[in-house]
Amino acid sequence: MNKELEVESRCIHLSEDDKQSRYGSISFPIYQTATFAHPGLGQSTGYDYSRVQNPTREHLEKVVASLENGIDAIAFSTGMAAITTVLDLFKPGDHIIADRDLYGGTTRLFNSICEKNLIEFTYIDFSTDNPADYLKSNTKAFFIETPTNPMMNITDIRWCADVAHENGAILIVDNTFMSPYLQNPLDLGADIVVHSGTKYLSGHNDTLAGFAIVKDEKLSEDLRYIYKTSGANLSPFDSWLVLRGIQTLAVRMDRAQENALELAKWLENRKGPVVRVVYPGLESHPGHELQLKQARGYGAMLTFEVDSYESVKHILENTRIIQYAESLGGTETLLTYPLTQTHADVDPKELEKNGITKGTLRMSVGIENIKDLIADLDQAIG
């Protein structure tokens, strides 16, 4: 990795060495092959089979490792494939303390698959609870998102890492909402960072991808062994799409974050059915100051609550450029209804504990003109 370059430049330029064998190609080539020929018995070009490694995917992994300041990044077919592989580091009888407010797919994995494999979970609010109070002799890891999905709770990553390490556990951080442009959990003590690369890293809602990034050689070896065995690798073409998306990560995040702050302020002052706005960039957010201590911004995700299901229905049926869809992190602004989309499989009692109601809407703010976004939301709210 080239640490002499700033993060914006590293999104585009990994190192000069990578350009030596490209015949002058500015775009990194797609090595669309399943297997590689060997010069002779006992000889290799460095690549054998694309499930294990492929030059296009390897280049992407080096870029992502550089952006997250890790020693290795592993590219997966989806974000959930990345998390599943990370959870395969643990064995029956292990205990993990996880945040209560996580992406619903992650909670579904823990409850439906990992618990079936006899891994035990305790769910807490890391933004207010002390994980030390929930430790057991078999606790092996903490799993957090910050900000959380969708309630935007902020957890002190460095403090969380210190508590984990003092008790023989590791810290796993899902950094999807912030992207490596705005937050680097490994620098704050985290052991593993995961991303849904489908979101901000790709940035165009046109491919699926996932990443696990580490700073420890042993963790890298263990994850790569599981990875090549289970085979949830990212294809060469999808690797190229994510590489292309990362080149504009910085400018997209800057614009989307600027729009998100303006929308959050507008919603907070909007009269009518809006009863609550949750965005770390607002001074009213309890994690406002902590967010700036551990990150370079607030991100482009916000959550707001309206007074009824009827208001939700009216908004979702009347937006014009803002689209009602699952996912986040693309150039387009999207509205998501957690109860029926991202968190449909979460226990209603847990949703209630987390503050997710029939009036909760999550917004991924895109890079459109802010005047158009405000005008569209204004007419949709009515």
Protein backbone atom coordinates (compact mmCIF):
# COMPACT_ATOMS: atom_id res chain seq x y z
CA MET A 1 0.00 0.00 0.00
CA ASN A 2 1.12 3.58 -0.60
CA LYS A 3 0.64 5.40 2.70
CA GLU A 4 2.39 8.49 1.34
CA LEU A 5 -0.78 9.32 -0.59
CA GLU A 6 -3.86 10.80 1.03
CA VAL A 7 -7.03 8.70 1.12
CA GLU A 8 -8.63 10.48 -1.87
CA SER A 9 -5.61 9.63 -4.02
CA ARG A 10 -5.41 6.05 -2.76
CA CYS A 11 -8.95 5.51 -4.05
CA ILE A 12 -7.45 5.95 -7.52
CA HIS A 13 -3.71 5.20 -7.31
CA LEU A 14 -2.53 2.17 -5.35
CA SER A 15 1.13 2.27 -6.41
CA GLU A 16 3.25 2.75 -9.46
CA ASP A 17 4.31 -0.92 -9.43
CA ASP A 18 0.82 -2.05 -10.39
CA LYS A 19 1.06 -0.25 -13.73
CA GLN A 20 4.16 -2.06 -14.98
CA SER A 21 2.45 -4.93 -16.82
CA ARG A 22 -0.73 -3.22 -18.02
CA TYR A 23 0.52 -2.09 -21.44
CA GLY A 24 -0.37 1.48 -20.48
CA SER A 25 -3.95 0.63 -19.56
CA ILE A 26 -5.41 3.19 -17.18
CA SER A 27 -8.22 0.85 -16.11
CA PHE A 28 -7.06 -2.26 -14.32
CA PRO A 29 -7.73 -5.31 -16.57
CA ILE A 30 -10.46 -7.85 -15.93
CA TYR A 31 -8.88 -11.30 -15.78
CA GLN A 32 -12.05 -13.14 -16.71
CA THR A 33 -10.73 -16.65 -16.24
CA ALA A 34 -11.55 -19.53 -13.91
CA THR A 35 -8.12 -21.14 -14.00
CA PHE A 36 -4.48 -20.45 -14.92
CA ALA A 37 -1.95 -22.51 -16.89
CA HIS A 38 1.39 -23.46 -15.34
CA PRO A 39 4.74 -23.19 -17.17
CA GLY A 40 5.70 -26.67 -15.98
CA LEU A 41 5.58 -29.20 -13.15
CA GLY A 42 6.13 -27.46 -9.85
CA GLN A 43 6.03 -24.03 -11.53
CA SER A 44 3.37 -21.37 -11.20
CA THR A 45 2.57 -17.86 -12.39
CA GLY A 46 1.42 -17.06 -8.84
CA TYR A 47 -2.21 -17.86 -9.67
CA ASP A 48 -3.82 -21.29 -9.87
CA TYR A 49 -7.60 -21.03 -9.65
CA SER A 50 -9.80 -17.92 -9.37
CA ARG A 51 -11.63 -19.18 -6.29
CA VAL A 52 -8.30 -18.88 -4.46
CA GLN A 53 -7.07 -15.70 -6.13
CA ASN A 54 -7.45 -13.69 -9.31
CA PRO A 55 -5.35 -10.66 -10.37
CA THR A 56 -8.35 -8.31 -10.64
CA ARG A 57 -9.69 -9.31 -7.24
CA GLU A 58 -6.21 -9.17 -5.73
CA HIS A 59 -5.78 -5.59 -6.94
CA LEU A 60 -9.16 -4.62 -5.44
CA GLU A 61 -8.21 -6.26 -2.14
CA LYS A 62 -4.97 -4.27 -2.01
CA VAL A 63 -6.90 -1.04 -2.60
CA VAL A 64 -9.42 -1.77 0.16
CA ALA A 65 -6.68 -2.88 2.58
CA SER A 66 -4.89 0.40 1.89
CA LEU A 67 -8.04 2.46 2.51
CA GLU A 68 -8.73 0.69 5.82
CA ASN A 69 -5.04 0.65 6.87
CA GLY A 70 -5.06 -3.14 7.16
CA ILE A 71 -2.52 -5.74 6.12
CA ASP A 72 -5.08 -7.77 4.18
CA ALA A 73 -8.56 -7.39 2.72
CA ILE A 74 -10.59 -10.31 1.42
CA ALA A 75 -13.26 -9.71 -1.23
CA PHE A 76 -16.48 -11.71 -1.00
CA SER A 77 -19.54 -12.18 -3.17
CA THR A 78 -21.69 -10.19 -0.70
CA GLY A 79 -21.42 -8.42 2.63
CA MET A 80 -23.28 -11.27 4.29
CA ALA A 81 -20.77 -13.75 2.85
CA ALA A 82 -18.02 -11.70 4.51
CA ILE A 83 -19.78 -11.73 7.89
CA THR A 84 -20.58 -15.44 7.59
CA THR A 85 -16.91 -16.23 6.97
CA VAL A 86 -15.84 -14.08 9.92
CA LEU A 87 -18.30 -15.95 12.15
CA ASP A 88 -16.79 -19.23 10.96
CA LEU A 89 -13.72 -18.28 13.01
CA PHE A 90 -15.70 -19.31 16.09
CA LYS A 91 -16.61 -22.76 17.34
CA PRO A 92 -19.56 -24.30 19.22
CA GLY A 93 -19.69 -23.00 22.77
CA ASP A 94 -18.19 -19.59 21.98
CA HIS A 95 -20.03 -16.48 23.16
CA ILE A 96 -20.33 -13.19 21.24
CA ILE A 97 -21.69 -9.90 22.54
CA ALA A 98 -23.45 -8.13 19.67
CA ASP A 99 -25.13 -4.78 19.30
CA ARG A 100 -28.89 -4.94 19.59
CA ASP A 101 -29.44 -2.54 16.68
CA LEU A 102 -27.82 -4.29 13.70
CA TYR A 103 -28.77 -4.77 10.07
CA GLY A 104 -31.59 -7.31 10.07
CA GLY A 105 -29.71 -9.72 7.81
CA THR A 106 -26.87 -9.89 10.33
CA THR A 107 -29.29 -10.59 13.17
CA ARG A 108 -30.96 -13.26 11.04
CA LEU A 109 -27.58 -14.92 10.42
CA PHE A 110 -26.77 -14.93 14.13
CA ASN A 111 -30.16 -16.23 15.23
CA SER A 112 -30.88 -18.71 12.43
CA ILE A 113 -27.48 -20.08 11.46
CA CYS A 114 -24.86 -19.30 14.10
CA GLU A 115 -27.03 -20.26 17.08
CA LYS A 116 -27.90 -23.51 15.28
CA ASN A 117 -24.13 -24.11 15.21
CA LEU A 118 -24.10 -23.57 19.01
CA ILE A 119 -22.56 -20.09 19.08
CA GLU A 120 -24.16 -18.05 21.85
CA PHE A 121 -25.14 -14.38 21.55
CA THR A 122 -25.97 -11.64 24.01
CA TYR A 123 -27.46 -8.44 22.58
CA ILE A 124 -26.84 -5.07 24.22
CA ASP A 125 -26.88 -1.38 23.33
CA PHE A 126 -23.16 -0.65 22.98
CA SER A 127 -23.84 3.10 22.91
CA THR A 128 -25.18 3.01 26.49
CA ASP A 129 -24.35 -0.39 28.01
CA ASN A 130 -20.96 -1.61 29.23
CA PRO A 131 -20.09 -4.94 27.56
CA ALA A 132 -17.93 -5.81 30.57
CA ASP A 133 -21.17 -6.38 32.48
CA TYR A 134 -22.15 -9.15 30.04
CA LEU A 135 -18.85 -10.99 29.74
CA LYS A 136 -18.68 -14.74 30.21
CA SER A 137 -15.72 -17.09 30.47
CA ASN A 138 -16.40 -18.14 26.87
CA THR A 139 -16.78 -14.62 25.39
CA LYS A 140 -14.65 -14.46 22.24
CA ALA A 141 -15.80 -11.33 20.40
CA PHE A 142 -17.81 -8.12 20.33
CA PHE A 143 -19.71 -7.30 17.12
CA ILE A 144 -20.81 -3.72 16.49
CA GLU A 145 -21.98 -1.26 13.88
CA THR A 146 -21.36 2.45 14.41
CA PRO A 147 -23.52 4.19 13.39
CA THR A 148 -26.03 1.39 13.85
CA ASN A 149 -28.62 0.36 11.29
CA PRO A 150 -31.12 1.99 11.34
CA MET A 151 -31.18 3.98 14.58
CA MET A 152 -27.78 5.63 14.09
CA ASN A 153 -26.41 4.92 17.59
CA ILE A 154 -22.72 5.78 18.02
CA THR A 155 -20.33 3.46 19.89
CA ASP A 156 -16.87 4.44 21.12
CA ILE A 157 -14.71 2.09 19.06
CA ARG A 158 -11.45 2.59 20.97
CA TRP A 159 -13.12 2.02 24.35
CA CYS A 160 -14.92 -1.03 22.99
CA ALA A 161 -11.67 -2.47 21.63
CA ASP A 162 -9.92 -1.91 24.96
CA VAL A 163 -12.66 -3.74 26.90
CA ALA A 164 -12.58 -6.62 24.41
CA HIS A 165 -8.80 -6.99 24.49
CA GLU A 166 -8.58 -6.75 28.27
CA ASN A 167 -10.86 -9.78 28.41
CA GLY A 168 -9.32 -11.91 25.68
CA ALA A 169 -11.88 -11.09 23.00
CA ILE A 170 -11.66 -9.44 19.60
CA LEU A 171 -13.67 -6.54 18.20
CA ILE A 172 -15.46 -6.85 14.86
CA VAL A 173 -16.83 -3.62 13.35
CA ASP A 174 -19.22 -3.34 10.42
CA ASN A 175 -18.06 -0.09 8.81
CA THR A 176 -20.49 -0.09 5.88
CA PHE A 177 -22.36 3.10 6.82
CA MET A 178 -19.23 5.24 7.08
CA SER A 179 -16.93 3.69 4.45
CA PRO A 180 -13.14 3.79 4.89
CA TYR A 181 -13.17 7.35 3.57
CA LEU A 182 -14.80 8.59 6.77
CA GLN A 183 -13.86 6.05 9.45
CA ASN A 184 -11.06 3.51 10.05
CA PRO A 185 -11.90 1.18 12.97
CA LEU A 186 -8.60 -0.74 12.70
CA ASP A 187 -6.78 2.47 13.65
CA LEU A 188 -8.95 2.65 16.77
CA GLY A 189 -8.19 -0.89 17.95
CA ALA A 190 -10.69 -3.06 16.05
CA ASP A 191 -9.40 -6.45 14.92
CA ILE A 192 -11.69 -7.10 11.95
CA VAL A 193 -13.61 -4.64 9.80
CA VAL A 194 -16.39 -5.82 7.49
CA HIS A 195 -18.15 -4.01 4.68
CA SER A 196 -21.02 -4.58 2.36
CA GLY A 197 -19.08 -3.48 -0.71
CA THR A 198 -22.42 -3.28 -2.51
CA LYS A 199 -22.98 0.02 -0.76
CA TYR A 200 -20.60 3.01 -0.66
CA LEU A 201 -17.52 1.23 -1.99
CA SER A 202 -19.27 0.22 -5.20
CA GLY A 203 -21.58 3.22 -5.02
CA HIS A 204 -23.81 2.63 -8.04
CA ASN A 205 -26.29 -0.09 -7.04
CA ASP A 206 -25.02 -2.30 -9.87
CA THR A 207 -23.10 -5.08 -8.14
CA LEU A 208 -22.89 -7.11 -4.92
CA ALA A 209 -19.68 -7.40 -2.89
CA GLY A 210 -18.35 -7.78 0.65
CA PHE A 211 -15.05 -7.33 2.46
CA ALA A 212 -13.26 -8.41 5.61
CA ILE A 213 -10.13 -6.42 6.51
CA VAL A 214 -7.61 -7.32 9.21
CA LYS A 215 -4.35 -6.08 10.69
CA ASP A 216 -3.14 -9.43 12.06
CA GLU A 217 -1.34 -12.12 10.04
CA LYS A 218 -2.96 -15.02 11.91
CA LEU A 219 -6.47 -13.67 11.34
CA SER A 220 -5.61 -13.18 7.67
CA GLU A 221 -4.41 -16.79 7.34
CA ASP A 222 -7.46 -18.19 9.14
CA LEU A 223 -9.96 -16.16 7.11
CA ARG A 224 -8.29 -16.97 3.79
CA TYR A 225 -8.35 -20.68 4.62
CA ILE A 226 -12.10 -20.53 5.32
CA TYR A 227 -12.58 -18.34 2.25
CA LYS A 228 -10.93 -20.69 -0.23
CA THR A 229 -12.67 -23.67 1.37
CA SER A 230 -16.21 -22.24 1.37
CA GLY A 231 -15.77 -20.41 -1.94
CA ALA A 232 -17.71 -17.18 -1.40
CA ASN A 233 -15.25 -15.19 -3.51
CA LEU A 234 -15.95 -12.09 -5.61
CA SER A 235 -15.90 -12.62 -9.39
CA PRO A 236 -13.35 -10.82 -11.62
CA PHE A 237 -15.99 -8.67 -13.32
CA ASP A 238 -17.63 -7.64 -10.03
CA SER A 239 -14.17 -6.90 -8.65
CA TRP A 240 -13.60 -4.54 -11.57
CA LEU A 241 -16.97 -2.82 -10.99
CA VAL A 242 -16.09 -2.18 -7.34
CA LEU A 243 -12.64 -0.90 -8.34
CA ARG A 244 -14.34 1.55 -10.69
CA GLY A 245 -16.76 2.64 -7.98
CA ILE A 246 -14.03 3.23 -5.39
CA GLN A 247 -12.37 5.78 -7.68
CA THR A 248 -15.21 8.21 -6.93
CA LEU A 249 -15.72 7.23 -3.28
CA ALA A 250 -14.34 10.48 -1.87
CA VAL A 251 -16.32 12.86 -4.07
CA ARG A 252 -19.51 10.83 -3.69
CA MET A 253 -19.22 10.70 0.10
CA ASP A 254 -18.50 14.42 0.34
CA ARG A 255 -21.55 15.35 -1.72
CA ALA A 256 -23.89 12.77 -0.13
CA GLN A 257 -22.83 13.78 3.38
CA GLU A 258 -23.37 17.45 2.60
CA ASN A 259 -26.85 16.65 1.30
CA ALA A 260 -27.64 14.47 4.33
CA LEU A 261 -26.85 17.26 6.79
CA GLU A 262 -29.03 19.72 4.88
CA LEU A 263 -31.91 17.23 4.70
CA ALA A 264 -31.61 16.36 8.40
CA LYS A 265 -31.75 20.04 9.38
CA TRP A 266 -34.71 20.60 7.08
CA LEU A 267 -36.58 17.59 8.46
CA GLU A 268 -35.86 18.63 12.04
CA ASN A 269 -37.57 21.97 11.39
CA ARG A 270 -40.34 20.61 9.17
CA LYS A 271 -43.82 20.99 10.62
CA GLY A 272 -46.30 18.18 10.10
CA PRO A 273 -46.01 14.42 10.55
CA VAL A 274 -42.23 14.30 11.20
CA VAL A 275 -41.79 13.64 14.92
CA ARG A 276 -38.11 12.63 15.15
CA VAL A 277 -34.90 12.93 13.13
CA VAL A 278 -31.81 10.85 13.92
CA TYR A 279 -28.54 11.90 12.25
CA PRO A 280 -25.13 12.11 13.94
CA GLY A 281 -24.42 15.45 12.26
CA LEU A 282 -27.22 17.11 14.23
CA GLU A 283 -26.26 18.63 17.58
CA SER A 284 -29.39 17.01 19.01
CA HIS A 285 -27.85 13.56 18.43
CA PRO A 286 -26.35 12.13 21.66
CA GLY A 287 -23.36 10.76 19.75
CA HIS A 288 -22.62 13.99 17.86
CA GLU A 289 -19.32 14.83 19.59
CA LEU A 290 -18.08 11.22 19.82
CA GLN A 291 -18.65 10.76 16.09
CA LEU A 292 -16.22 13.54 15.22
CA LYS A 293 -13.63 12.19 17.66
CA GLN A 294 -13.42 8.84 15.88
CA ALA A 295 -14.42 9.70 12.30
CA ARG A 296 -13.91 12.34 9.64
CA GLY A 297 -17.58 13.04 9.18
CA TYR A 298 -21.14 11.92 9.88
CA GLY A 299 -21.98 9.88 6.81
CA ALA A 300 -24.98 10.08 4.50
CA MET A 301 -27.47 7.83 6.32
CA LEU A 302 -30.31 9.30 8.36
CA THR A 303 -33.45 7.97 9.99
CA PHE A 304 -36.64 9.85 10.68
CA GLU A 305 -39.97 8.96 12.23
CA VAL A 306 -43.40 10.13 11.20
CA ASP A 307 -46.58 10.01 13.22
CA SER A 308 -48.30 7.00 11.65
CA TYR A 309 -48.21 4.15 9.17
CA GLU A 310 -50.57 6.18 7.01
CA SER A 311 -47.97 8.96 6.80
CA VAL A 312 -45.30 6.41 5.84
CA LYS A 313 -47.54 5.02 3.09
CA HIS A 314 -48.30 8.51 1.77
CA ILE A 315 -44.62 9.46 1.60
CA LEU A 316 -43.48 6.25 -0.07
CA GLU A 317 -46.22 6.46 -2.70
CA ASN A 318 -45.64 10.11 -3.55
CA THR A 319 -41.91 10.67 -3.89
CA ARG A 320 -40.79 11.35 -7.46
CA ILE A 321 -37.00 11.27 -7.61
CA ILE A 322 -36.42 9.71 -4.18
CA GLN A 323 -37.01 5.98 -4.64
CA TYR A 324 -38.57 3.46 -2.26
CA ALA A 325 -36.04 0.64 -2.26
CA GLU A 326 -33.85 -1.49 -0.06
CA SER A 327 -30.07 -0.96 0.08
CA LEU A 328 -28.00 2.19 0.48
CA GLY A 329 -24.81 3.95 -0.50
CA GLY A 330 -25.49 4.58 -4.20
CA THR A 331 -25.69 7.80 -6.14
CA GLU A 332 -29.49 7.74 -5.87
CA THR A 333 -31.41 8.77 -2.75
CA LEU A 334 -33.40 5.82 -1.39
CA LEU A 335 -36.08 5.50 1.27
CA THR A 336 -36.31 2.18 3.11
CA TYR A 337 -39.06 0.96 5.44
CA PRO A 338 -37.24 -1.22 8.00
CA LEU A 339 -40.34 -3.05 9.28
CA THR A 340 -41.01 -4.72 5.94
CA GLN A 341 -37.57 -4.60 4.33
CA THR A 342 -34.20 -4.61 6.13
CA HIS A 343 -35.57 -5.73 9.52
CA ALA A 344 -38.56 -7.84 8.53
CA ASP A 345 -37.12 -10.94 10.23
CA VAL A 346 -36.24 -9.24 13.53
CA ASP A 347 -38.38 -10.02 16.58
CA PRO A 348 -40.98 -7.23 17.00
CA LYS A 349 -40.06 -6.95 20.70
CA GLU A 350 -36.44 -6.27 19.74
CA LEU A 351 -37.54 -3.69 17.19
CA GLU A 352 -39.54 -1.94 19.88
CA LYS A 353 -36.54 -1.94 22.22
CA ASN A 354 -34.44 -0.37 19.51
CA GLY A 355 -36.99 2.37 18.84
CA ILE A 356 -38.05 1.10 15.40
CA THR A 357 -41.75 1.83 14.99
CA LYS A 358 -44.42 1.74 12.28
CA GLY A 359 -43.41 5.31 11.49
CA THR A 360 -39.66 4.73 11.07
CA LEU A 361 -38.08 5.48 7.69
CA ARG A 362 -34.40 5.13 6.80
CA MET A 363 -32.91 7.33 4.12
CA SER A 364 -29.74 6.80 2.12
CA VAL A 365 -29.00 10.27 0.81
CA GLY A 366 -27.54 10.43 -2.67
CA ILE A 367 -25.74 13.04 -4.71
CA GLU A 368 -28.66 14.75 -6.46
CA ASN A 369 -29.17 18.50 -6.13
CA ILE A 370 -30.23 19.26 -2.58
CA LYS A 371 -32.98 21.64 -3.72
CA ASP A 372 -34.58 18.84 -5.73
CA LEU A 373 -34.36 16.41 -2.81
CA ILE A 374 -35.96 18.85 -0.37
CA ALA A 375 -38.68 19.79 -2.83
CA ASP A 376 -39.47 16.13 -3.52
CA LEU A 377 -39.63 15.19 0.16
CA ASP A 378 -41.68 18.28 0.94
CA GLN A 379 -44.37 17.49 -1.61
CA ALA A 380 -44.38 13.80 -0.64
CA ILE A 381 -44.87 14.58 3.05
CA GLY A 382 -47.69 16.93 2.09
